Amino acid sequence: MELSDADLAARVVDTLNRFVGSLHAVRCTAAFWIAHAEKPGFRFAAKYSLQMTFGTAMITLRKFHDLHLGGHLERLVGEDTEAAPECAWILGECERRHTRDAANLLFAHYAPQRADPPLSSEEVLAIIHDGGWATEEEFLEWIGPMIHRLCSIRDRITTKYSLPIGSRPPEDL
C-alpha cells in the first residue's frame, strides 16, 4: 500500500509517540522496581519486571530500526539538518549496544534458532552486559537521550508536514 508523504508522516509521528510513551514507561516502571527490589515479597517480581522493562526498550528500539530499514525515516526526514543526525545517533547507539540482537534473543525468541536449546541465565546476562550497561541505573540514564531524540525527530516531521500537534508526552521526560 502506497501512502502519500503526509499520510505516512502522520502514521510515523503516531508511531514515534508510542515509542516515546513506551520508553518513558520503561523508565518509570524500572525506577519503581529498583526502589523496591530488596523488599521482602518484591525480589522475584522485581527481577522479572526489570527484565520486562529492558525487553520493552529493546523491542521498541528494534521497531525504530525497522522504520529505518523500511525506508520510512529516509523518505520523511531525508537530509533534514536536525532530524537526520538524531536518526543516525539512535541507529548508531542501537548498533553499538546490540539492541536488535537483545530484542531477538531475549524477548522475541528463546535461542538463535528454534532447534537450539534455550539460553542459559549466564547467556542472558552476557547479552545484557554486551550492551555496555553495568547497572539498571546506567541503562535508564541511556534511555533519556533516546526519548529526547525521538521527540526531536517526531517534532521535525510534524513541522515539515504541517501535522496537528496531537497528544504529546509531558515535557518533564
C-alpha atoms as a PDB file:
ATOM      1  CA  MET A   1       0.000   0.000   0.000  1.00  0.00           C
ATOM      2  CA  GLU A   2       1.448   3.327  -1.057  1.00  0.00           C
ATOM      3  CA  LEU A   3       0.658   6.336   1.122  1.00  0.00           C
ATOM      4  CA  SER A   4       1.176   9.997   0.400  1.00  0.00           C
ATOM      5  CA  ASP A   5       4.069  11.594   2.271  1.00  0.00           C
ATOM      6  CA  ALA A   6       1.611  13.435   4.543  1.00  0.00           C
ATOM      7  CA  ASP A   7      -0.312  10.250   5.388  1.00  0.00           C
ATOM      8  CA  LEU A   8       2.908   8.348   6.030  1.00  0.00           C
ATOM      9  CA  ALA A   9       4.169  11.234   8.173  1.00  0.00           C
ATOM     10  CA  ALA A  10       1.008  11.121  10.299  1.00  0.00           C
ATOM     11  CA  ARG A  11       1.465   7.391  10.871  1.00  0.00           C
ATOM     12  CA  VAL A  12       5.164   7.701  11.654  1.00  0.00           C
ATOM     13  CA  VAL A  13       4.530  10.567  14.099  1.00  0.00           C
ATOM     14  CA  ASP A  14       1.902   8.441  15.843  1.00  0.00           C
ATOM     15  CA  THR A  15       4.367   5.539  15.956  1.00  0.00           C
ATOM     16  CA  LEU A  16       7.135   7.750  17.346  1.00  0.00           C
ATOM     17  CA  ASN A  17       4.726   8.932  20.063  1.00  0.00           C
ATOM     18  CA  ARG A  18       4.124   5.289  21.002  1.00  0.00           C
ATOM     19  CA  PHE A  19       7.888   4.720  21.143  1.00  0.00           C
ATOM     20  CA  VAL A  20       8.327   7.748  23.401  1.00  0.00           C
ATOM     21  CA  GLY A  21       5.480   6.591  25.630  1.00  0.00           C
ATOM     22  CA  SER A  22       6.882   3.073  25.867  1.00  0.00           C
ATOM     23  CA  LEU A  23      10.379   4.266  26.734  1.00  0.00           C
ATOM     24  CA  HIS A  24       9.025   6.725  29.302  1.00  0.00           C
ATOM     25  CA  ALA A  25       7.015   3.883  30.874  1.00  0.00           C
ATOM     26  CA  VAL A  26      10.198   1.780  30.904  1.00  0.00           C
ATOM     27  CA  ARG A  27      11.993   4.451  32.916  1.00  0.00           C
ATOM     28  CA  CYS A  28       9.132   4.941  35.383  1.00  0.00           C
ATOM     29  CA  THR A  29       8.484   1.223  35.851  1.00  0.00           C
ATOM     30  CA  ALA A  30      12.165   0.358  36.245  1.00  0.00           C
ATOM     31  CA  ALA A  31      12.657   3.166  38.775  1.00  0.00           C
ATOM     32  CA  PHE A  32       9.806   1.734  40.849  1.00  0.00           C
ATOM     33  CA  TRP A  33      11.243  -1.787  40.790  1.00  0.00           C
ATOM     34  CA  ILE A  34      14.775  -0.640  41.537  1.00  0.00           C
ATOM     35  CA  ALA A  35      13.448   1.182  44.606  1.00  0.00           C
ATOM     36  CA  HIS A  36      11.561  -1.907  45.821  1.00  0.00           C
ATOM     37  CA  ALA A  37      13.872  -4.702  44.629  1.00  0.00           C
ATOM     38  CA  GLU A  38      15.250  -5.597  48.053  1.00  0.00           C
ATOM     39  CA  LYS A  39      11.967  -5.533  49.926  1.00  0.00           C
ATOM     40  CA  PRO A  40      10.618  -8.895  51.061  1.00  0.00           C
ATOM     41  CA  GLY A  41       7.912 -10.092  48.735  1.00  0.00           C
ATOM     42  CA  PHE A  42       9.187  -7.951  45.862  1.00  0.00           C
ATOM     43  CA  ARG A  43      12.527  -9.563  44.931  1.00  0.00           C
ATOM     44  CA  PHE A  44      11.187 -12.141  42.497  1.00  0.00           C
ATOM     45  CA  ALA A  45       8.774  -9.712  40.833  1.00  0.00           C
ATOM     46  CA  ALA A  46      11.476  -7.030  40.678  1.00  0.00           C
ATOM     47  CA  LYS A  47      13.914  -9.337  38.879  1.00  0.00           C
ATOM     48  CA  TYR A  48      11.459 -10.185  36.122  1.00  0.00           C
ATOM     49  CA  SER A  49       9.891  -6.740  35.977  1.00  0.00           C
ATOM     50  CA  LEU A  50      13.311  -5.210  35.329  1.00  0.00           C
ATOM     51  CA  GLN A  51      13.899  -7.793  32.602  1.00  0.00           C
ATOM     52  CA  MET A  52      10.498  -6.903  31.174  1.00  0.00           C
ATOM     53  CA  THR A  53      11.313  -3.194  31.075  1.00  0.00           C
ATOM     54  CA  PHE A  54      14.645  -3.929  29.381  1.00  0.00           C
ATOM     55  CA  GLY A  55      12.800  -6.076  26.838  1.00  0.00           C
ATOM     56  CA  THR A  56      10.241  -3.375  26.147  1.00  0.00           C
ATOM     57  CA  ALA A  57      13.039  -0.901  25.440  1.00  0.00           C
ATOM     58  CA  MET A  58      14.860  -3.337  23.146  1.00  0.00           C
ATOM     59  CA  ILE A  59      11.724  -4.203  21.184  1.00  0.00           C
ATOM     60  CA  THR A  60      10.842  -0.502  20.881  1.00  0.00           C
ATOM     61  CA  LEU A  61      14.292   0.335  19.519  1.00  0.00           C
ATOM     62  CA  ARG A  62      14.114  -2.625  17.160  1.00  0.00           C
ATOM     63  CA  LYS A  63      10.885  -1.123  15.785  1.00  0.00           C
ATOM     64  CA  PHE A  64      12.666   2.198  15.271  1.00  0.00           C
ATOM     65  CA  HIS A  65      15.375   0.325  13.366  1.00  0.00           C
ATOM     66  CA  ASP A  66      12.630  -1.350  11.304  1.00  0.00           C
ATOM     67  CA  LEU A  67      11.212   2.108  10.416  1.00  0.00           C
ATOM     68  CA  HIS A  68      14.677   2.931   9.118  1.00  0.00           C
ATOM     69  CA  LEU A  69      15.112  -0.356   7.237  1.00  0.00           C
ATOM     70  CA  GLY A  70      11.684   0.123   5.646  1.00  0.00           C
ATOM     71  CA  GLY A  71      12.849   3.471   4.226  1.00  0.00           C
ATOM     72  CA  HIS A  72      10.155   5.434   6.050  1.00  0.00           C
ATOM     73  CA  LEU A  73      12.526   7.654   8.028  1.00  0.00           C
ATOM     74  CA  GLU A  74      14.687   8.361   4.984  1.00  0.00           C
ATOM     75  CA  ARG A  75      11.597   9.249   2.959  1.00  0.00           C
ATOM     76  CA  LEU A  76      10.280  11.663   5.596  1.00  0.00           C
ATOM     77  CA  VAL A  77      13.482  13.035   7.100  1.00  0.00           C
ATOM     78  CA  GLY A  78      15.870  12.915   4.145  1.00  0.00           C
ATOM     79  CA  GLU A  79      18.717  15.357   4.702  1.00  0.00           C
ATOM     80  CA  ASP A  80      16.947  17.409   7.390  1.00  0.00           C
ATOM     81  CA  THR A  81      19.801  19.037   9.308  1.00  0.00           C
ATOM     82  CA  GLU A  82      18.173  18.379  12.699  1.00  0.00           C
ATOM     83  CA  ALA A  83      16.296  15.090  12.304  1.00  0.00           C
ATOM     84  CA  ALA A  84      18.813  13.185  10.166  1.00  0.00           C
ATOM     85  CA  PRO A  85      21.635  13.402  12.749  1.00  0.00           C
ATOM     86  CA  GLU A  86      19.201  12.378  15.500  1.00  0.00           C
ATOM     87  CA  CYS A  87      18.168   9.306  13.494  1.00  0.00           C
ATOM     88  CA  ALA A  88      21.819   8.483  12.823  1.00  0.00           C
ATOM     89  CA  TRP A  89      22.699   8.812  16.532  1.00  0.00           C
ATOM     90  CA  ILE A  90      19.888   6.492  17.631  1.00  0.00           C
ATOM     91  CA  LEU A  91      20.739   3.939  14.948  1.00  0.00           C
ATOM     92  CA  GLY A  92      24.423   4.130  15.863  1.00  0.00           C
ATOM     93  CA  GLU A  93      23.668   3.585  19.542  1.00  0.00           C
ATOM     94  CA  CYS A  94      21.425   0.653  18.687  1.00  0.00           C
ATOM     95  CA  GLU A  95      24.200  -0.890  16.615  1.00  0.00           C
ATOM     96  CA  ARG A  96      26.849  -0.254  19.264  1.00  0.00           C
ATOM     97  CA  ARG A  97      24.633  -1.633  22.031  1.00  0.00           C
ATOM     98  CA  HIS A  98      23.383  -4.644  20.014  1.00  0.00           C
ATOM     99  CA  THR A  99      19.748  -3.787  20.726  1.00  0.00           C
ATOM    100  CA  ARG A 100      18.398  -5.809  17.794  1.00  0.00           C
ATOM    101  CA  ASP A 101      20.203  -8.940  18.981  1.00  0.00           C
ATOM    102  CA  ALA A 102      18.958  -8.328  22.519  1.00  0.00           C
ATOM    103  CA  ALA A 103      15.376  -7.913  21.283  1.00  0.00           C
ATOM    104  CA  ASN A 104      15.599 -11.063  19.190  1.00  0.00           C
ATOM    105  CA  LEU A 105      17.409 -13.329  21.634  1.00  0.00           C
ATOM    106  CA  LEU A 106      15.930 -12.185  24.916  1.00  0.00           C
ATOM    107  CA  PHE A 107      12.353 -11.326  24.041  1.00  0.00           C
ATOM    108  CA  ALA A 108      11.210 -12.393  20.589  1.00  0.00           C
ATOM    109  CA  HIS A 109      12.881 -15.828  20.671  1.00  0.00           C
ATOM    110  CA  TYR A 110      14.424 -18.101  23.309  1.00  0.00           C
ATOM    111  CA  ALA A 111      17.540 -19.003  21.273  1.00  0.00           C
ATOM    112  CA  PRO A 112      19.250 -18.110  17.973  1.00  0.00           C
ATOM    113  CA  GLN A 113      17.426 -20.959  16.153  1.00  0.00           C
ATOM    114  CA  ARG A 114      14.261 -22.851  17.104  1.00  0.00           C
ATOM    115  CA  ALA A 115      16.147 -26.148  17.366  1.00  0.00           C
ATOM    116  CA  ASP A 116      18.729 -24.623  19.734  1.00  0.00           C
ATOM    117  CA  PRO A 117      18.267 -25.096  23.468  1.00  0.00           C
ATOM    118  CA  PRO A 118      17.002 -22.078  25.408  1.00  0.00           C
ATOM    119  CA  LEU A 119      19.649 -19.619  26.543  1.00  0.00           C
ATOM    120  CA  SER A 120      21.093 -20.134  29.995  1.00  0.00           C
ATOM    121  CA  SER A 121      20.813 -17.454  32.679  1.00  0.00           C
ATOM    122  CA  GLU A 122      24.509 -16.726  32.136  1.00  0.00           C
ATOM    123  CA  GLU A 123      23.975 -16.262  28.390  1.00  0.00           C
ATOM    124  CA  VAL A 124      21.051 -13.923  29.042  1.00  0.00           C
ATOM    125  CA  LEU A 125      23.150 -11.777  31.392  1.00  0.00           C
ATOM    126  CA  ALA A 126      26.018 -11.762  28.881  1.00  0.00           C
ATOM    127  CA  ILE A 127      23.730 -10.353  26.179  1.00  0.00           C
ATOM    128  CA  ILE A 128      22.584  -7.581  28.525  1.00  0.00           C
ATOM    129  CA  HIS A 129      26.141  -6.752  29.584  1.00  0.00           C
ATOM    130  CA  ASP A 130      27.326  -6.821  25.944  1.00  0.00           C
ATOM    131  CA  GLY A 131      25.166  -3.731  25.541  1.00  0.00           C
ATOM    132  CA  GLY A 132      27.568  -1.916  27.844  1.00  0.00           C
ATOM    133  CA  TRP A 133      25.326  -1.374  30.864  1.00  0.00           C
ATOM    134  CA  ALA A 134      26.769  -2.415  34.204  1.00  0.00           C
ATOM    135  CA  THR A 135      23.675  -1.424  36.198  1.00  0.00           C
ATOM    136  CA  GLU A 136      19.982  -0.803  35.687  1.00  0.00           C
ATOM    137  CA  GLU A 137      20.612   2.853  36.533  1.00  0.00           C
ATOM    138  CA  GLU A 138      23.125   3.180  33.671  1.00  0.00           C
ATOM    139  CA  PHE A 139      20.567   1.687  31.320  1.00  0.00           C
ATOM    140  CA  LEU A 140      17.903   4.140  32.493  1.00  0.00           C
ATOM    141  CA  GLU A 141      20.277   7.089  32.007  1.00  0.00           C
ATOM    142  CA  TRP A 142      20.910   5.883  28.458  1.00  0.00           C
ATOM    143  CA  ILE A 143      17.174   5.796  27.690  1.00  0.00           C
ATOM    144  CA  GLY A 144      16.709   9.521  28.498  1.00  0.00           C
ATOM    145  CA  PRO A 145      18.561  10.855  25.440  1.00  0.00           C
ATOM    146  CA  MET A 146      16.745   8.276  23.272  1.00  0.00           C
ATOM    147  CA  ILE A 147      13.418   9.743  24.332  1.00  0.00           C
ATOM    148  CA  HIS A 148      14.527  13.314  23.646  1.00  0.00           C
ATOM    149  CA  ARG A 149      15.939  12.431  20.228  1.00  0.00           C
ATOM    150  CA  LEU A 150      12.788  10.545  19.255  1.00  0.00           C
ATOM    151  CA  CYS A 151      10.789  13.634  20.263  1.00  0.00           C
ATOM    152  CA  SER A 152      13.050  15.810  18.140  1.00  0.00           C
ATOM    153  CA  ILE A 153      12.560  13.577  15.091  1.00  0.00           C
ATOM    154  CA  ARG A 154       8.816  13.491  15.678  1.00  0.00           C
ATOM    155  CA  ASP A 155       8.647  17.271  16.020  1.00  0.00           C
ATOM    156  CA  ARG A 156      10.637  17.868  12.819  1.00  0.00           C
ATOM    157  CA  ILE A 157       8.336  15.553  10.857  1.00  0.00           C
ATOM    158  CA  THR A 158       5.287  17.209  12.415  1.00  0.00           C
ATOM    159  CA  THR A 159       6.538  20.638  11.362  1.00  0.00           C
ATOM    160  CA  LYS A 160       7.710  19.590   7.887  1.00  0.00           C
ATOM    161  CA  TYR A 161       4.334  18.049   7.016  1.00  0.00           C
ATOM    162  CA  SER A 162       2.194  20.610   8.915  1.00  0.00           C
ATOM    163  CA  LEU A 163       0.600  17.934  11.048  1.00  0.00           C
ATOM    164  CA  PRO A 164      -1.557  18.758  14.074  1.00  0.00           C
ATOM    165  CA  ILE A 165       0.334  18.633  17.341  1.00  0.00           C
ATOM    166  CA  GLY A 166      -1.963  15.969  18.823  1.00  0.00           C
ATOM    167  CA  SER A 167      -1.208  14.404  22.177  1.00  0.00           C
ATOM    168  CA  ARG A 168       2.297  14.843  23.450  1.00  0.00           C
ATOM    169  CA  PRO A 169       4.111  13.288  26.350  1.00  0.00           C
ATOM    170  CA  PRO A 170       4.831  15.542  29.327  1.00  0.00           C
ATOM    171  CA  GLU A 171       7.736  17.940  28.985  1.00  0.00           C
ATOM    172  CA  ASP A 172       9.493  16.509  32.044  1.00  0.00           C
ATOM    173  CA  LEU A 173      10.649  13.322  30.337  1.00  0.00           C
END
